[in-house]
Structures are given as C-alpha cells and as structure tokens.
Amino acid sequence: MEVQISGRHYDITDVIEDHVEQRVKKLPRYDDQIIRLSVVLEVDSGNDTAEVIAKCRGTTLVAESTGHDMHAAIDDAFGKMEREVKRYHEKMIDKRDKQGPRGISSLEEQ
C-alpha cells in the first residue's frame, strides 16, 4: 500500500508522521484491497483538519474530521475510515455471496 502524507498550511513533524503511520498500520486488517492512502492535514483559523482518502479497487473512500487538536482529528478521521473500509469490505463479501460460486449457473442451465 502506498501512503502519502501532506499538509496544507501545516508543517508535518516527526511525531505527527509517526502517529499517522501507526494508524495506517491498522487499516489492512479490515481490507487488503487498499491500493493508495492519502492523508491531508490542514490548519485553518485555529481548526485542525485531517482528511484520509483511500483508493481501493473499484472505489475511493474519504473520511474527514475537524477539531482543535491534530492528534484527535487524525484519530477521529482514521476511526471513520476504519468503519468505511469495514462496511465496504462487508458489502463486497455480500455481493460475492449473492452471485454464488463461478460455474454453478452454467451447470444449472444444462
């Protein structure tokens, strides 16, 4: 998985980068289909915003959180992303289960 961390009007410190990397390590346990993950950190008028964008096969998932503390905003955004990834993974499993195993429909037609 490719990870990109960037900041808008915000200098990313080593502490923040380590915090983001720790949260990134938890995502693959929900879905290993994440191809690219972008984390955008922004400070605007005293509000800290963390935006997490996950490019998966077939879709792009986005989670955003705003707060007065960057660590809290990062944690909240990744919490939202974990829920989205888990929901997307379950949706794909349900879709696969409804289609059934490959080849069954062709055998039934004969």
C-alpha atoms as a PDB file:
ATOM      1  CA  MET A   1       0.000   0.000   0.000  1.00  0.00           C
ATOM      2  CA  GLU A   2       1.330   3.398  -0.996  1.00  0.00           C
ATOM      3  CA  VAL A   3       0.972   6.074   1.706  1.00  0.00           C
ATOM      4  CA  GLN A   4       1.242   9.824   1.116  1.00  0.00           C
ATOM      5  CA  ILE A   5       1.143  12.342   3.971  1.00  0.00           C
ATOM      6  CA  SER A   6       0.846  16.018   3.080  1.00  0.00           C
ATOM      7  CA  GLY A   7      -0.038  19.256   4.801  1.00  0.00           C
ATOM      8  CA  ARG A   8      -1.865  22.410   3.748  1.00  0.00           C
ATOM      9  CA  HIS A   9      -0.605  25.384   5.724  1.00  0.00           C
ATOM     10  CA  TYR A  10       0.853  22.835   8.140  1.00  0.00           C
ATOM     11  CA  ASP A  11       4.379  21.551   8.708  1.00  0.00           C
ATOM     12  CA  ILE A  12       4.315  17.821   9.382  1.00  0.00           C
ATOM     13  CA  THR A  13       6.504  16.942  12.353  1.00  0.00           C
ATOM     14  CA  ASP A  14       8.062  13.554  13.012  1.00  0.00           C
ATOM     15  CA  VAL A  15       5.656  12.989  15.909  1.00  0.00           C
ATOM     16  CA  ILE A  16       2.610  13.583  13.693  1.00  0.00           C
ATOM     17  CA  GLU A  17       4.067  11.440  10.911  1.00  0.00           C
ATOM     18  CA  ASP A  18       4.694   8.566  13.354  1.00  0.00           C
ATOM     19  CA  HIS A  19       1.157   8.915  14.712  1.00  0.00           C
ATOM     20  CA  VAL A  20      -0.305   8.710  11.197  1.00  0.00           C
ATOM     21  CA  GLU A  21       1.876   5.706  10.312  1.00  0.00           C
ATOM     22  CA  GLN A  22       0.691   3.852  13.435  1.00  0.00           C
ATOM     23  CA  ARG A  23      -2.926   4.428  12.412  1.00  0.00           C
ATOM     24  CA  VAL A  24      -2.192   3.374   8.813  1.00  0.00           C
ATOM     25  CA  LYS A  25      -0.850   0.007  10.002  1.00  0.00           C
ATOM     26  CA  LYS A  26      -4.279  -0.878  11.427  1.00  0.00           C
ATOM     27  CA  LEU A  27      -6.204  -0.450   8.156  1.00  0.00           C
ATOM     28  CA  PRO A  28      -5.072  -3.585   6.246  1.00  0.00           C
ATOM     29  CA  ARG A  29      -6.644  -5.842   8.868  1.00  0.00           C
ATOM     30  CA  TYR A  30     -10.022  -4.644   7.582  1.00  0.00           C
ATOM     31  CA  ASP A  31      -9.306  -4.848   3.874  1.00  0.00           C
ATOM     32  CA  ASP A  32      -6.163  -5.684   1.952  1.00  0.00           C
ATOM     33  CA  GLN A  33      -7.590  -4.157  -1.225  1.00  0.00           C
ATOM     34  CA  ILE A  34      -6.394  -0.629  -0.370  1.00  0.00           C
ATOM     35  CA  ILE A  35      -4.039   0.470  -3.136  1.00  0.00           C
ATOM     36  CA  ARG A  36      -3.195   4.019  -2.090  1.00  0.00           C
ATOM     37  CA  LEU A  37      -3.810   6.044   1.049  1.00  0.00           C
ATOM     38  CA  SER A  38      -3.513   9.837   1.174  1.00  0.00           C
ATOM     39  CA  VAL A  39      -3.579  11.774   4.433  1.00  0.00           C
ATOM     40  CA  VAL A  40      -4.010  15.541   4.171  1.00  0.00           C
ATOM     41  CA  LEU A  41      -3.517  17.620   7.316  1.00  0.00           C
ATOM     42  CA  GLU A  42      -4.657  21.246   7.359  1.00  0.00           C
ATOM     43  CA  VAL A  43      -4.814  24.138   9.805  1.00  0.00           C
ATOM     44  CA  ASP A  44      -7.383  26.834   9.090  1.00  0.00           C
ATOM     45  CA  SER A  45      -8.494  29.524  11.551  1.00  0.00           C
ATOM     46  CA  GLY A  46      -7.364  27.531  14.563  1.00  0.00           C
ATOM     47  CA  ASN A  47      -9.185  24.360  13.488  1.00  0.00           C
ATOM     48  CA  ASP A  48      -7.122  21.274  12.677  1.00  0.00           C
ATOM     49  CA  THR A  49      -8.495  19.089   9.894  1.00  0.00           C
ATOM     50  CA  ALA A  50      -7.415  15.578   8.947  1.00  0.00           C
ATOM     51  CA  GLU A  51      -8.644  14.047   5.705  1.00  0.00           C
ATOM     52  CA  VAL A  52      -7.981  10.402   4.833  1.00  0.00           C
ATOM     53  CA  ILE A  53      -8.528   9.233   1.251  1.00  0.00           C
ATOM     54  CA  ALA A  54      -8.283   5.513   0.477  1.00  0.00           C
ATOM     55  CA  LYS A  55      -8.159   4.312  -3.126  1.00  0.00           C
ATOM     56  CA  CYS A  56      -9.498   0.757  -3.235  1.00  0.00           C
ATOM     57  CA  ARG A  57     -10.261  -1.479  -6.163  1.00  0.00           C
ATOM     58  CA  GLY A  58     -13.435  -0.087  -7.641  1.00  0.00           C
ATOM     59  CA  THR A  59     -13.985   2.875  -5.317  1.00  0.00           C
ATOM     60  CA  THR A  60     -12.492   5.753  -3.368  1.00  0.00           C
ATOM     61  CA  LEU A  61     -13.320   6.176   0.316  1.00  0.00           C
ATOM     62  CA  VAL A  62     -13.000   9.542   2.091  1.00  0.00           C
ATOM     63  CA  ALA A  63     -13.104  10.367   5.803  1.00  0.00           C
ATOM     64  CA  GLU A  64     -12.606  13.819   7.320  1.00  0.00           C
ATOM     65  CA  SER A  65     -12.526  15.203  10.830  1.00  0.00           C
ATOM     66  CA  THR A  66     -12.021  18.661  12.304  1.00  0.00           C
ATOM     67  CA  GLY A  67     -11.030  19.581  15.840  1.00  0.00           C
ATOM     68  CA  HIS A  68      -8.846  21.782  17.996  1.00  0.00           C
ATOM     69  CA  ASP A  69      -6.113  19.142  18.316  1.00  0.00           C
ATOM     70  CA  MET A  70      -4.398  17.498  15.323  1.00  0.00           C
ATOM     71  CA  HIS A  71      -3.917  14.164  17.124  1.00  0.00           C
ATOM     72  CA  ALA A  72      -7.633  13.979  17.950  1.00  0.00           C
ATOM     73  CA  ALA A  73      -8.579  14.946  14.382  1.00  0.00           C
ATOM     74  CA  ILE A  74      -6.294  12.210  12.997  1.00  0.00           C
ATOM     75  CA  ASP A  75      -7.717   9.593  15.374  1.00  0.00           C
ATOM     76  CA  ASP A  76     -11.295  10.549  14.539  1.00  0.00           C
ATOM     77  CA  ALA A  77     -10.657  10.564  10.766  1.00  0.00           C
ATOM     78  CA  PHE A  78      -9.000   7.150  10.905  1.00  0.00           C
ATOM     79  CA  GLY A  79     -11.848   5.835  13.066  1.00  0.00           C
ATOM     80  CA  LYS A  80     -14.285   6.929  10.383  1.00  0.00           C
ATOM     81  CA  MET A  81     -12.080   5.400   7.668  1.00  0.00           C
ATOM     82  CA  GLU A  82     -11.913   2.075   9.522  1.00  0.00           C
ATOM     83  CA  ARG A  83     -15.714   1.972   9.627  1.00  0.00           C
ATOM     84  CA  GLU A  84     -15.975   2.856   5.929  1.00  0.00           C
ATOM     85  CA  VAL A  85     -13.402   0.242   4.900  1.00  0.00           C
ATOM     86  CA  LYS A  86     -15.107  -2.399   7.033  1.00  0.00           C
ATOM     87  CA  ARG A  87     -18.526  -1.520   5.567  1.00  0.00           C
ATOM     88  CA  TYR A  88     -17.111  -1.616   2.003  1.00  0.00           C
ATOM     89  CA  HIS A  89     -15.442  -4.979   2.683  1.00  0.00           C
ATOM     90  CA  GLU A  90     -18.706  -6.447   4.023  1.00  0.00           C
ATOM     91  CA  LYS A  91     -20.575  -5.071   1.010  1.00  0.00           C
ATOM     92  CA  MET A  92     -18.138  -6.797  -1.363  1.00  0.00           C
ATOM     93  CA  ILE A  93     -18.445 -10.092   0.581  1.00  0.00           C
ATOM     94  CA  ASP A  94     -22.261  -9.902   0.421  1.00  0.00           C
ATOM     95  CA  LYS A  95     -22.124  -9.134  -3.289  1.00  0.00           C
ATOM     96  CA  ARG A  96     -19.818 -12.105  -3.878  1.00  0.00           C
ATOM     97  CA  ASP A  97     -22.027 -14.430  -1.811  1.00  0.00           C
ATOM     98  CA  LYS A  98     -25.166 -13.406  -3.703  1.00  0.00           C
ATOM     99  CA  GLN A  99     -23.503 -14.187  -7.044  1.00  0.00           C
ATOM    100  CA  GLY A 100     -22.530 -17.663  -5.843  1.00  0.00           C
ATOM    101  CA  PRO A 101     -19.522 -19.673  -6.907  1.00  0.00           C
ATOM    102  CA  ARG A 102     -18.424 -19.384 -10.505  1.00  0.00           C
ATOM    103  CA  GLY A 103     -19.680 -22.050 -12.832  1.00  0.00           C
ATOM    104  CA  ILE A 104     -22.769 -23.023 -10.819  1.00  0.00           C
ATOM    105  CA  SER A 105     -25.194 -21.062 -13.015  1.00  0.00           C
ATOM    106  CA  SER A 106     -23.861 -22.682 -16.198  1.00  0.00           C
ATOM    107  CA  LEU A 107     -24.322 -26.158 -14.699  1.00  0.00           C
ATOM    108  CA  GLU A 108     -27.901 -25.405 -13.657  1.00  0.00           C
ATOM    109  CA  GLU A 109     -28.814 -24.296 -17.185  1.00  0.00           C
ATOM    110  CA  GLN A 110     -27.855 -27.658 -18.701  1.00  0.00           C
END
